[in-house]
PDB file of N, CA and C in Angstrom:
ATOM      1  N   SER A   1      90.309  88.937 102.903  1.00  0.00           N
ATOM      2  CA  SER A   1      90.488  89.476 104.241  1.00  0.00           C
ATOM      3  C   SER A   1      91.245  90.799 104.228  1.00  0.00           C
ATOM      4  N   GLU A   2      91.476  91.356 103.059  1.00  0.00           N
ATOM      5  CA  GLU A   2      92.196  92.623 102.959  1.00  0.00           C
ATOM      6  C   GLU A   2      91.300  93.790 103.369  1.00  0.00           C
ATOM      7  N   TYR A   3      91.855  94.719 104.126  1.00  0.00           N
ATOM      8  CA  TYR A   3      91.173  95.954 104.524  1.00  0.00           C
ATOM      9  C   TYR A   3      89.857  95.698 105.260  1.00  0.00           C
ATOM     10  N   THR A   4      89.811  94.657 106.068  1.00  0.00           N
ATOM     11  CA  THR A   4      88.575  94.304 106.759  1.00  0.00           C
ATOM     12  C   THR A   4      88.575  94.683 108.231  1.00  0.00           C
ATOM     13  N   THR A   5      89.638  95.292 108.691  1.00  0.00           N
ATOM     14  CA  THR A   5      89.710  95.817 110.055  1.00  0.00           C
ATOM     15  C   THR A   5      90.091  97.291 109.966  1.00  0.00           C
ATOM     16  N   CYS A   6      89.842  98.020 111.020  1.00  0.00           N
ATOM     17  CA  CYS A   6      90.241  99.435 111.018  1.00  0.00           C
ATOM     18  C   CYS A   6      91.742  99.573 110.865  1.00  0.00           C
ATOM     19  N   ALA A   7      92.492  98.723 111.535  1.00  0.00           N
ATOM     20  CA  ALA A   7      93.953  98.797 111.414  1.00  0.00           C
ATOM     21  C   ALA A   7      94.390  98.530 109.981  1.00  0.00           C
ATOM     22  N   GLY A   8      93.859  97.504 109.351  1.00  0.00           N
ATOM     23  CA  GLY A   8      94.229  97.186 107.978  1.00  0.00           C
ATOM     24  C   GLY A   8      93.792  98.239 106.978  1.00  0.00           C
ATOM     25  N   LEU A   9      92.667  98.853 107.235  1.00  0.00           N
ATOM     26  CA  LEU A   9      92.153  99.894 106.357  1.00  0.00           C
ATOM     27  C   LEU A   9      92.877 101.222 106.548  1.00  0.00           C
ATOM     28  N   LEU A  10      93.214 101.534 107.795  1.00  0.00           N
ATOM     29  CA  LEU A  10      93.718 102.866 108.092  1.00  0.00           C
ATOM     30  C   LEU A  10      95.232 102.960 108.271  1.00  0.00           C
ATOM     31  N   THR A  11      95.856 101.985 108.941  1.00  0.00           N
ATOM     32  CA  THR A  11      97.240 102.205 109.349  1.00  0.00           C
ATOM     33  C   THR A  11      98.259 101.196 108.842  1.00  0.00           C
ATOM     34  N   GLN A  12      97.901  99.943 108.629  1.00  0.00           N
ATOM     35  CA  GLN A  12      98.904  98.937 108.269  1.00  0.00           C
ATOM     36  C   GLN A  12      98.314  97.913 107.315  1.00  0.00           C
ATOM     37  N   SER A  13      98.533  98.088 106.025  1.00  0.00           N
ATOM     38  CA  SER A  13      98.050  97.109 105.057  1.00  0.00           C
ATOM     39  C   SER A  13      98.895  95.845 105.120  1.00  0.00           C
ATOM     40  N   SER A  14      98.407  94.799 104.490  1.00  0.00           N
ATOM     41  CA  SER A  14      99.146  93.536 104.470  1.00  0.00           C
ATOM     42  C   SER A  14     100.262  93.591 103.434  1.00  0.00           C
ATOM     43  N   SER A  15     101.053  92.557 103.408  1.00  0.00           N
ATOM     44  CA  SER A  15     102.136  92.477 102.429  1.00  0.00           C
ATOM     45  C   SER A  15     101.611  92.234 101.014  1.00  0.00           C
ATOM     46  N   THR A  16     100.344  91.853 100.875  1.00  0.00           N
ATOM     47  CA  THR A  16      99.765  91.666  99.544  1.00  0.00           C
ATOM     48  C   THR A  16      99.750  92.982  98.777  1.00  0.00           C
ATOM     49  N   TRP A  17      99.312  94.055  99.450  1.00  0.00           N
ATOM     50  CA  TRP A  17      99.317  95.406  98.887  1.00  0.00           C
ATOM     51  C   TRP A  17      99.998  96.319  99.898  1.00  0.00           C
ATOM     52  N   PRO A  18     101.319  96.295  99.953  1.00  0.00           N
ATOM     53  CA  PRO A  18     102.055  97.051 100.978  1.00  0.00           C
ATOM     54  C   PRO A  18     101.850  98.565 100.851  1.00  0.00           C
ATOM     55  N   ASN A  19     101.856  99.204 102.001  1.00  0.00           N
ATOM     56  CA  ASN A  19     101.761 100.664 102.090  1.00  0.00           C
ATOM     57  C   ASN A  19     100.518 101.234 101.418  1.00  0.00           C
ATOM     58  N   SER A  20      99.404 100.507 101.481  1.00  0.00           N
ATOM     59  CA  SER A  20      98.183 100.974 100.832  1.00  0.00           C
ATOM     60  C   SER A  20      97.048 101.266 101.811  1.00  0.00           C
ATOM     61  N   ALA A  21      97.299 101.212 103.110  1.00  0.00           N
ATOM     62  CA  ALA A  21      96.304 101.659 104.076  1.00  0.00           C
ATOM     63  C   ALA A  21      96.215 103.183 103.985  1.00  0.00           C
ATOM     64  N   LEU A  22      95.121 103.737 104.397  1.00  0.00           N
ATOM     65  CA  LEU A  22      94.854 105.169 104.244  1.00  0.00           C
ATOM     66  C   LEU A  22      96.010 106.048 104.712  1.00  0.00           C
ATOM     67  N   PHE A  23      96.452 105.877 105.942  1.00  0.00           N
ATOM     68  CA  PHE A  23      97.493 106.749 106.460  1.00  0.00           C
ATOM     69  C   PHE A  23      98.878 106.396 105.919  1.00  0.00           C
ATOM     70  N   GLN A  24      99.068 105.188 105.405  1.00  0.00           N
ATOM     71  CA  GLN A  24     100.309 104.855 104.715  1.00  0.00           C
ATOM     72  C   GLN A  24     100.375 105.601 103.378  1.00  0.00           C
ATOM     73  N   ILE A  25      99.251 105.691 102.689  1.00  0.00           N
ATOM     74  CA  ILE A  25      99.214 106.449 101.432  1.00  0.00           C
ATOM     75  C   ILE A  25      99.494 107.922 101.713  1.00  0.00           C
ATOM     76  N   ALA A  26      98.863 108.442 102.766  1.00  0.00           N
ATOM     77  CA  ALA A  26      99.087 109.845 103.131  1.00  0.00           C
ATOM     78  C   ALA A  26     100.558 110.095 103.455  1.00  0.00           C
ATOM     79  N   ALA A  27     101.202 109.150 104.115  1.00  0.00           N
ATOM     80  CA  ALA A  27     102.615 109.305 104.472  1.00  0.00           C
ATOM     81  C   ALA A  27     103.510 109.359 103.238  1.00  0.00           C
ATOM     82  N   SER A  28     103.019 108.847 102.111  1.00  0.00           N
ATOM     83  CA  SER A  28     103.811 108.888 100.880  1.00  0.00           C
ATOM     84  C   SER A  28     103.670 110.218 100.155  1.00  0.00           C
ATOM     85  N   GLY A  29     102.851 111.123 100.709  1.00  0.00           N
ATOM     86  CA  GLY A  29     102.753 112.454 100.126  1.00  0.00           C
ATOM     87  C   GLY A  29     101.403 112.837  99.557  1.00  0.00           C
ATOM     88  N   ILE A  30     100.426 111.943  99.597  1.00  0.00           N
ATOM     89  CA  ILE A  30      99.089 112.276  99.097  1.00  0.00           C
ATOM     90  C   ILE A  30      98.307 112.950 100.222  1.00  0.00           C
ATOM     91  N   SER A  31      97.724 114.082  99.945  1.00  0.00           N
ATOM     92  CA  SER A  31      96.970 114.832 100.945  1.00  0.00           C
ATOM     93  C   SER A  31      95.750 114.039 101.431  1.00  0.00           C
ATOM     94  N   LEU A  32      95.525 114.039 102.737  1.00  0.00           N
ATOM     95  CA  LEU A  32      94.383 113.312 103.313  1.00  0.00           C
ATOM     96  C   LEU A  32      93.052 113.749 102.725  1.00  0.00           C
ATOM     97  N   ASP A  33      92.932 114.999 102.301  1.00  0.00           N
ATOM     98  CA  ASP A  33      91.648 115.456 101.763  1.00  0.00           C
ATOM     99  C   ASP A  33      91.385 114.934 100.356  1.00  0.00           C
ATOM    100  N   LYS A  34      92.317 114.180  99.797  1.00  0.00           N
ATOM    101  CA  LYS A  34      92.140 113.580  98.475  1.00  0.00           C
ATOM    102  C   LYS A  34      91.943 112.066  98.538  1.00  0.00           C
ATOM    103  N   LEU A  35      91.970 111.497  99.727  1.00  0.00           N
ATOM    104  CA  LEU A  35      91.883 110.039  99.882  1.00  0.00           C
ATOM    105  C   LEU A  35      90.489 109.627 100.340  1.00  0.00           C
ATOM    106  N   VAL A  36      89.722 109.066  99.421  1.00  0.00           N
ATOM    107  CA  VAL A  36      88.374 108.589  99.694  1.00  0.00           C
ATOM    108  C   VAL A  36      88.452 107.096 100.021  1.00  0.00           C
ATOM    109  N   ILE A  37      87.711 106.671 101.024  1.00  0.00           N
ATOM    110  CA  ILE A  37      87.626 105.253 101.362  1.00  0.00           C
ATOM    111  C   ILE A  37      86.527 104.639 100.499  1.00  0.00           C
ATOM    112  N   GLY A  38      86.859 103.602  99.745  1.00  0.00           N
ATOM    113  CA  GLY A  38      85.893 102.906  98.907  1.00  0.00           C
ATOM    114  C   GLY A  38      85.762 101.459  99.351  1.00  0.00           C
ATOM    115  N   LYS A  39      84.536 100.994  99.520  1.00  0.00           N
ATOM    116  CA  LYS A  39      84.286  99.638 100.015  1.00  0.00           C
ATOM    117  C   LYS A  39      83.169  98.981  99.218  1.00  0.00           C
ATOM    118  N   PRO A  40      83.199  97.638  99.093  1.00  0.00           N
ATOM    119  CA  PRO A  40      82.056  96.950  98.501  1.00  0.00           C
ATOM    120  C   PRO A  40      80.838  97.097  99.414  1.00  0.00           C
ATOM    121  N   ALA A  41      79.672  97.290  98.815  1.00  0.00           N
ATOM    122  CA  ALA A  41      78.446  97.501  99.593  1.00  0.00           C
ATOM    123  C   ALA A  41      77.982  96.233 100.307  1.00  0.00           C
ATOM    124  N   ASN A  42      78.218  95.086  99.700  1.00  0.00           N
ATOM    125  CA  ASN A  42      77.772  93.802 100.248  1.00  0.00           C
ATOM    126  C   ASN A  42      78.887  92.767 100.122  1.00  0.00           C
ATOM    127  N   THR A  43      78.762  91.675 100.836  1.00  0.00           N
ATOM    128  CA  THR A  43      79.794  90.641 100.788  1.00  0.00           C
ATOM    129  C   THR A  43      79.952  90.042  99.398  1.00  0.00           C
ATOM    130  N   GLY A  44      78.904  90.013  98.611  1.00  0.00           N
ATOM    131  CA  GLY A  44      78.973  89.432  97.278  1.00  0.00           C
ATOM    132  C   GLY A  44      79.502  90.360  96.205  1.00  0.00           C
ATOM    133  N   ASP A  45      79.801  91.598  96.549  1.00  0.00           N
ATOM    134  CA  ASP A  45      80.231  92.579  95.563  1.00  0.00           C
ATOM    135  C   ASP A  45      81.727  92.571  95.289  1.00  0.00           C
ATOM    136  N   ALA A  46      82.491  91.854  96.083  1.00  0.00           N
ATOM    137  CA  ALA A  46      83.939  91.771  95.889  1.00  0.00           C
ATOM    138  C   ALA A  46      84.444  90.507  96.569  1.00  0.00           C
ATOM    139  N   SER A  47      85.611  90.057  96.179  1.00  0.00           N
ATOM    140  CA  SER A  47      86.166  88.846  96.788  1.00  0.00           C
ATOM    141  C   SER A  47      86.795  89.122  98.143  1.00  0.00           C
ATOM    142  N   ASN A  48      87.018  90.400  98.468  1.00  0.00           N
ATOM    143  CA  ASN A  48      87.542  90.761  99.785  1.00  0.00           C
ATOM    144  C   ASN A  48      87.240  92.229 100.046  1.00  0.00           C
ATOM    145  N   GLY A  49      87.501  92.683 101.264  1.00  0.00           N
ATOM    146  CA  GLY A  49      87.381  94.089 101.580  1.00  0.00           C
ATOM    147  C   GLY A  49      86.094  94.543 102.218  1.00  0.00           C
ATOM    148  N   TYR A  50      85.073  93.663 102.281  1.00  0.00           N
ATOM    149  CA  TYR A  50      83.810  94.072 102.889  1.00  0.00           C
ATOM    150  C   TYR A  50      83.984  94.290 104.393  1.00  0.00           C
ATOM    151  N   ILE A  51      83.406  95.375 104.891  1.00  0.00           N
ATOM    152  CA  ILE A  51      83.331  95.655 106.324  1.00  0.00           C
ATOM    153  C   ILE A  51      81.874  95.969 106.642  1.00  0.00           C
ATOM    154  N   ALA A  52      81.345  95.372 107.695  1.00  0.00           N
ATOM    155  CA  ALA A  52      79.974  95.667 108.112  1.00  0.00           C
ATOM    156  C   ALA A  52      79.830  97.169 108.358  1.00  0.00           C
ATOM    157  N   PRO A  53      78.682  97.745 108.022  1.00  0.00           N
ATOM    158  CA  PRO A  53      78.502  99.193 108.161  1.00  0.00           C
ATOM    159  C   PRO A  53      78.850  99.743 109.543  1.00  0.00           C
ATOM    160  N   ALA A  54      78.472  99.072 110.597  1.00  0.00           N
ATOM    161  CA  ALA A  54      78.772  99.574 111.943  1.00  0.00           C
ATOM    162  C   ALA A  54      80.278  99.610 112.195  1.00  0.00           C
ATOM    163  N   THR A  55      80.993  98.603 111.720  1.00  0.00           N
ATOM    164  CA  THR A  55      82.451  98.576 111.872  1.00  0.00           C
ATOM    165  C   THR A  55      83.087  99.669 111.027  1.00  0.00           C
ATOM    166  N   LEU A  56      82.618  99.820 109.794  1.00  0.00           N
ATOM    167  CA  LEU A  56      83.141 100.861 108.919  1.00  0.00           C
ATOM    168  C   LEU A  56      82.921 102.242 109.533  1.00  0.00           C
ATOM    169  N   ALA A  57      81.769 102.453 110.142  1.00  0.00           N
ATOM    170  CA  ALA A  57      81.499 103.743 110.799  1.00  0.00           C
ATOM    171  C   ALA A  57      82.531 104.016 111.894  1.00  0.00           C
ATOM    172  N   GLY A  58      82.895 102.996 112.643  1.00  0.00           N
ATOM    173  CA  GLY A  58      83.927 103.159 113.669  1.00  0.00           C
ATOM    174  C   GLY A  58      85.279 103.490 113.065  1.00  0.00           C
ATOM    175  N   CYS A  59      85.613 102.845 111.956  1.00  0.00           N
ATOM    176  CA  CYS A  59      86.877 103.139 111.272  1.00  0.00           C
ATOM    177  C   CYS A  59      86.888 104.567 110.755  1.00  0.00           C
ATOM    178  N   VAL A  60      85.777 105.008 110.197  1.00  0.00           N
ATOM    179  CA  VAL A  60      85.665 106.372 109.688  1.00  0.00           C
ATOM    180  C   VAL A  60      85.846 107.364 110.830  1.00  0.00           C
ATOM    181  N   GLU A  61      85.252 107.083 111.963  1.00  0.00           N
ATOM    182  CA  GLU A  61      85.403 107.969 113.114  1.00  0.00           C
ATOM    183  C   GLU A  61      86.858 108.032 113.568  1.00  0.00           C
ATOM    184  N   GLN A  62      87.532 106.890 113.584  1.00  0.00           N
ATOM    185  CA  GLN A  62      88.950 106.875 113.943  1.00  0.00           C
ATOM    186  C   GLN A  62      89.766 107.727 112.966  1.00  0.00           C
ATOM    187  N   ALA A  63      89.485 107.574 111.679  1.00  0.00           N
ATOM    188  CA  ALA A  63      90.215 108.337 110.671  1.00  0.00           C
ATOM    189  C   ALA A  63      89.958 109.833 110.828  1.00  0.00           C
ATOM    190  N   LYS A  64      88.703 110.206 111.092  1.00  0.00           N
ATOM    191  CA  LYS A  64      88.375 111.622 111.297  1.00  0.00           C
ATOM    192  C   LYS A  64      89.135 112.197 112.483  1.00  0.00           C
ATOM    193  N   GLN A  65      89.254 111.412 113.536  1.00  0.00           N
ATOM    194  CA  GLN A  65      89.972 111.875 114.723  1.00  0.00           C
ATOM    195  C   GLN A  65      91.455 112.095 114.440  1.00  0.00           C
ATOM    196  N   GLN A  66      91.952 111.483 113.362  1.00  0.00           N
ATOM    197  CA  GLN A  66      93.357 111.626 112.989  1.00  0.00           C
ATOM    198  C   GLN A  66      93.557 112.612 111.829  1.00  0.00           C
ATOM    199  N   GLY A  67      92.518 113.381 111.501  1.00  0.00           N
ATOM    200  CA  GLY A  67      92.657 114.434 110.513  1.00  0.00           C
ATOM    201  C   GLY A  67      92.138 114.151 109.120  1.00  0.00           C
ATOM    202  N   TRP A  68      91.606 112.976 108.869  1.00  0.00           N
ATOM    203  CA  TRP A  68      91.069 112.637 107.558  1.00  0.00           C
ATOM    204  C   TRP A  68      89.629 113.118 107.463  1.00  0.00           C
ATOM    205  N   ASP A  69      89.207 113.617 106.298  1.00  0.00           N
ATOM    206  CA  ASP A  69      87.820 114.056 106.149  1.00  0.00           C
ATOM    207  C   ASP A  69      87.314 114.023 104.706  1.00  0.00           C
ATOM    208  N   ALA A  70      87.879 113.162 103.869  1.00  0.00           N
ATOM    209  CA  ALA A  70      87.582 113.206 102.440  1.00  0.00           C
ATOM    210  C   ALA A  70      86.248 112.564 102.053  1.00  0.00           C
ATOM    211  N   GLY A  71      85.854 111.462 102.620  1.00  0.00           N
ATOM    212  CA  GLY A  71      84.588 110.837 102.262  1.00  0.00           C
ATOM    213  C   GLY A  71      84.690 109.335 102.096  1.00  0.00           C
ATOM    214  N   VAL A  72      83.523 108.725 101.958  1.00  0.00           N
ATOM    215  CA  VAL A  72      83.409 107.274 101.814  1.00  0.00           C
ATOM    216  C   VAL A  72      82.484 106.993 100.645  1.00  0.00           C
ATOM    217  N   MET A  73      82.820 106.005  99.872  1.00  0.00           N
ATOM    218  CA  MET A  73      81.924 105.551  98.810  1.00  0.00           C
ATOM    219  C   MET A  73      81.842 104.033  98.855  1.00  0.00           C
ATOM    220  N   VAL A  74      80.712 103.505  98.394  1.00  0.00           N
ATOM    221  CA  VAL A  74      80.544 102.054  98.285  1.00  0.00           C
ATOM    222  C   VAL A  74      80.136 101.736  96.855  1.00  0.00           C
ATOM    223  N   TRP A  75      80.391 100.507  96.479  1.00  0.00           N
ATOM    224  CA  TRP A  75      79.953 100.085  95.156  1.00  0.00           C
ATOM    225  C   TRP A  75      79.210  98.766  95.274  1.00  0.00           C
ATOM    226  N   GLU A  76      78.371  98.519  94.256  1.00  0.00           N
ATOM    227  CA  GLU A  76      77.588  97.292  94.197  1.00  0.00           C
ATOM    228  C   GLU A  76      77.717  96.730  92.794  1.00  0.00           C
ATOM    229  N   VAL A  77      77.870  95.441  92.695  1.00  0.00           N
ATOM    230  CA  VAL A  77      77.984  94.777  91.403  1.00  0.00           C
ATOM    231  C   VAL A  77      76.664  94.072  91.109  1.00  0.00           C
ATOM    232  N   ARG A  78      76.129  94.318  89.939  1.00  0.00           N
ATOM    233  CA  ARG A  78      74.910  93.643  89.500  1.00  0.00           C
ATOM    234  C   ARG A  78      75.250  92.768  88.295  1.00  0.00           C
ATOM    235  N   TRP A  79      75.039  91.487  88.407  1.00  0.00           N
ATOM    236  CA  TRP A  79      75.281  90.573  87.281  1.00  0.00           C
ATOM    237  C   TRP A  79      73.940  90.245  86.641  1.00  0.00           C
ATOM    238  N   HIS A  80      73.864  90.424  85.372  1.00  0.00           N
ATOM    239  CA  HIS A  80      72.612  90.144  84.640  1.00  0.00           C
ATOM    240  C   HIS A  80      72.771  88.928  83.786  1.00  0.00           C
TER     241      HIS A  80
END
């Protein structure tokens, strides 16, 4: 359930990984233009962190409105 809401992804991470939401990282001194959002492409690609594309698009828009513009990447795991 980590990073599965816009708030958790952008402004307030959980105590499991404290200060690791996008704007919390930026507040520690990392420039927003260097912070890329990375998400699993599908629910089966990670044990947590998946956000439906429409929800992720809303989170990205919120981040852009707050000055972030670095980019988004997704990953997929293939087990053979």
